[in-house]
Amino acid sequence: MQGLHWLFVTLTAEGERGFMFFRNPSAEMLLCEAELDVNLIEKASILLKPRRSAHIAAMEMAKTSGCILSYDPNARLLPWPSAEAARGGIISIWDEADMIKISEEELTLLIEGCDASDDNVVLEKLFHSNLKLLLVTEGSNGCKYYTQEFKGHVGG
């Protein structure tokens, strides 16, 4: 993507978030693998929100040194050319994460028309062998969580 892009987050009176996107070449667009500080990454214990090729290299370094990789795609369709492109971008690094947090909207996008309320569908479509924890936020209703051995609900 080229041009000016930034993200502004607003809250409604009901506590729902609203998003406005603007972007002007940012780190995720400009950071190169050669600029990564391997020593700093090796000292980390968790790496948040990996994106783009430099971030993929950073993820590999972090994983090799024992870090826990957390992924919150925070997907909004506005910056993407299509829902399929958004889905592909999110899934492209999905299997690298140890912990993933998604919203109900992201769940619906990722399972492509399957029943989002069916825990077995969610596990079949989204859980992978490296994943330790999958959280699906449900706004004021709390969240669902999935592990290899257990699924449950918190809040609401």
Protein backbone atom coordinates (compact mmCIF):
# COMPACT_ATOMS: atom_id res chain seq x y z
CA MET A 1 0.00 0.00 0.00
CA GLN A 2 1.22 3.48 -0.73
CA GLY A 3 0.15 6.86 0.51
CA LEU A 4 -0.94 8.24 3.84
CA HIS A 5 -2.46 5.77 6.37
CA TRP A 6 -2.92 6.06 10.18
CA LEU A 7 -5.29 4.32 12.58
CA PHE A 8 -7.58 6.21 14.93
CA VAL A 9 -9.71 4.28 17.43
CA THR A 10 -12.89 5.74 18.92
CA LEU A 11 -15.36 4.42 21.49
CA THR A 12 -19.14 4.71 21.27
CA ALA A 13 -21.27 5.32 24.36
CA GLU A 14 -21.92 1.56 24.44
CA GLY A 15 -18.19 0.81 24.56
CA GLU A 16 -17.91 -0.42 20.95
CA ARG A 17 -14.74 0.51 19.08
CA GLY A 18 -14.69 2.37 15.80
CA PHE A 19 -11.67 2.52 13.49
CA MET A 20 -10.35 5.04 10.99
CA PHE A 21 -7.28 4.06 8.94
CA PHE A 22 -4.55 6.33 7.61
CA ARG A 23 -1.02 5.21 6.74
CA ASN A 24 2.17 6.99 5.64
CA PRO A 25 5.10 4.61 5.10
CA SER A 26 5.51 3.06 8.53
CA ALA A 27 7.88 0.53 10.08
CA GLU A 28 5.87 -2.41 8.82
CA MET A 29 6.32 -1.07 5.30
CA LEU A 30 9.96 0.02 5.57
CA LEU A 31 11.69 -2.26 8.10
CA CYS A 32 14.23 -4.59 6.48
CA GLU A 33 15.53 -7.89 7.82
CA ALA A 34 19.06 -6.42 7.92
CA GLU A 35 17.84 -3.83 10.44
CA LEU A 36 16.76 -6.43 13.01
CA ASP A 37 18.71 -6.59 16.27
CA VAL A 38 19.14 -10.35 16.73
CA ASN A 39 20.57 -9.93 20.25
CA LEU A 40 17.56 -7.91 21.37
CA ILE A 41 15.12 -10.44 19.91
CA GLU A 42 16.95 -13.35 21.55
CA LYS A 43 16.55 -11.62 24.95
CA ALA A 44 12.77 -11.21 24.50
CA SER A 45 10.22 -13.50 26.10
CA ILE A 46 7.24 -12.61 23.93
CA LEU A 47 6.89 -11.05 20.48
CA LEU A 48 3.66 -9.21 19.70
CA LYS A 49 1.90 -8.58 16.39
CA PRO A 50 4.31 -9.91 13.78
CA ARG A 51 3.82 -8.41 10.29
CA ARG A 52 5.52 -8.39 6.91
CA SER A 53 8.79 -9.97 5.78
CA ALA A 54 11.08 -8.35 8.37
CA HIS A 55 8.65 -9.34 11.08
CA ILE A 56 8.56 -12.91 9.77
CA ALA A 57 12.35 -13.02 10.07
CA ALA A 58 12.08 -11.56 13.58
CA MET A 59 9.49 -14.22 14.43
CA GLU A 60 11.83 -16.97 13.28
CA MET A 61 14.66 -15.54 15.41
CA ALA A 62 12.37 -15.16 18.40
CA LYS A 63 10.96 -18.67 18.05
CA THR A 64 14.47 -20.14 17.81
CA SER A 65 15.44 -18.40 21.05
CA GLY A 66 12.34 -19.68 22.88
CA CYS A 67 10.00 -16.69 22.73
CA ILE A 68 6.24 -17.08 22.84
CA LEU A 69 4.68 -15.60 19.70
CA SER A 70 1.40 -13.77 20.17
CA TYR A 71 -0.77 -12.77 17.20
CA ASP A 72 -3.65 -10.31 17.19
CA PRO A 73 -4.44 -9.67 13.52
CA ASN A 74 -6.74 -6.74 14.42
CA ALA A 75 -8.21 -7.20 10.96
CA ARG A 76 -10.32 -4.48 9.47
CA LEU A 77 -11.32 -4.91 5.85
CA LEU A 78 -10.87 -1.24 4.94
CA PRO A 79 -7.09 -1.43 4.28
CA TRP A 80 -7.43 -4.68 2.28
CA PRO A 81 -8.51 -4.90 -1.37
CA SER A 82 -10.93 -7.76 -0.53
CA ALA A 83 -12.05 -10.12 2.23
CA GLU A 84 -10.08 -12.90 0.52
CA ALA A 85 -6.90 -10.79 0.61
CA ALA A 86 -7.45 -10.04 4.32
CA ARG A 87 -8.06 -13.73 5.06
CA GLY A 88 -4.93 -14.73 3.12
CA GLY A 89 -2.81 -12.12 4.87
CA ILE A 90 -3.96 -13.23 8.30
CA ILE A 91 -3.60 -16.94 7.60
CA SER A 92 -0.15 -16.49 6.00
CA ILE A 93 1.49 -16.38 9.45
CA TRP A 94 -1.25 -18.07 11.49
CA ASP A 95 0.65 -21.32 12.07
CA GLU A 96 3.65 -19.50 13.57
CA ALA A 97 1.78 -18.15 16.60
CA ASP A 98 1.67 -19.76 20.04
CA MET A 99 -1.22 -17.53 21.19
CA ILE A 100 -3.84 -15.87 18.99
CA LYS A 101 -6.58 -13.36 19.87
CA ILE A 102 -9.32 -12.67 17.36
CA SER A 103 -12.72 -10.99 17.48
CA GLU A 104 -16.06 -12.52 16.52
CA GLU A 105 -15.88 -10.58 13.24
CA GLU A 106 -12.42 -11.97 12.48
CA LEU A 107 -13.65 -15.47 13.35
CA THR A 108 -16.48 -15.13 10.82
CA LEU A 109 -14.02 -13.91 8.18
CA LEU A 110 -11.55 -16.74 8.85
CA ILE A 111 -13.96 -19.68 8.86
CA GLU A 112 -15.52 -18.61 5.54
CA GLY A 113 -19.23 -19.10 6.08
CA CYS A 114 -19.06 -22.02 8.51
CA ASP A 115 -20.94 -21.93 11.82
CA ALA A 116 -18.92 -19.65 14.12
CA SER A 117 -20.89 -20.82 17.16
CA ASP A 118 -19.79 -24.45 16.66
CA ASP A 119 -16.67 -24.96 18.78
CA ASN A 120 -15.71 -28.05 16.79
CA VAL A 121 -15.73 -26.02 13.54
CA VAL A 122 -13.57 -23.34 15.16
CA LEU A 123 -11.09 -25.94 16.40
CA GLU A 124 -11.01 -27.78 13.07
CA LYS A 125 -10.57 -24.63 10.96
CA LEU A 126 -8.26 -22.55 13.14
CA PHE A 127 -6.39 -24.61 15.72
CA HIS A 128 -2.92 -25.83 14.73
CA SER A 129 -0.34 -28.04 16.42
CA ASN A 130 1.86 -25.13 17.65
CA LEU A 131 -1.06 -23.16 19.07
CA LYS A 132 -1.33 -23.09 22.87
CA LEU A 133 -4.24 -20.65 23.23
CA LEU A 134 -6.88 -19.22 20.89
CA LEU A 135 -9.04 -16.39 22.29
CA VAL A 136 -12.18 -15.18 20.53
CA THR A 137 -13.42 -11.92 22.01
CA GLU A 138 -17.18 -11.42 22.20
CA GLY A 139 -17.41 -7.76 23.19
CA SER A 140 -19.36 -7.27 26.41
CA ASN A 141 -20.08 -11.02 26.50
CA GLY A 142 -16.45 -11.83 27.39
CA CYS A 143 -14.50 -14.32 25.32
CA LYS A 144 -14.25 -17.95 24.31
CA TYR A 145 -10.95 -19.69 24.72
CA TYR A 146 -9.55 -22.83 23.18
CA THR A 147 -6.53 -24.95 24.06
CA GLN A 148 -5.56 -28.37 22.77
CA GLU A 149 -7.31 -29.96 25.76
CA PHE A 150 -10.05 -27.53 26.70
CA LYS A 151 -12.53 -24.95 25.45
CA GLY A 152 -14.53 -22.55 27.58
CA HIS A 153 -16.09 -19.13 28.07
CA VAL A 154 -15.16 -16.25 30.35
CA GLY A 155 -17.35 -13.25 31.18
CA GLY A 156 -20.76 -12.13 29.99
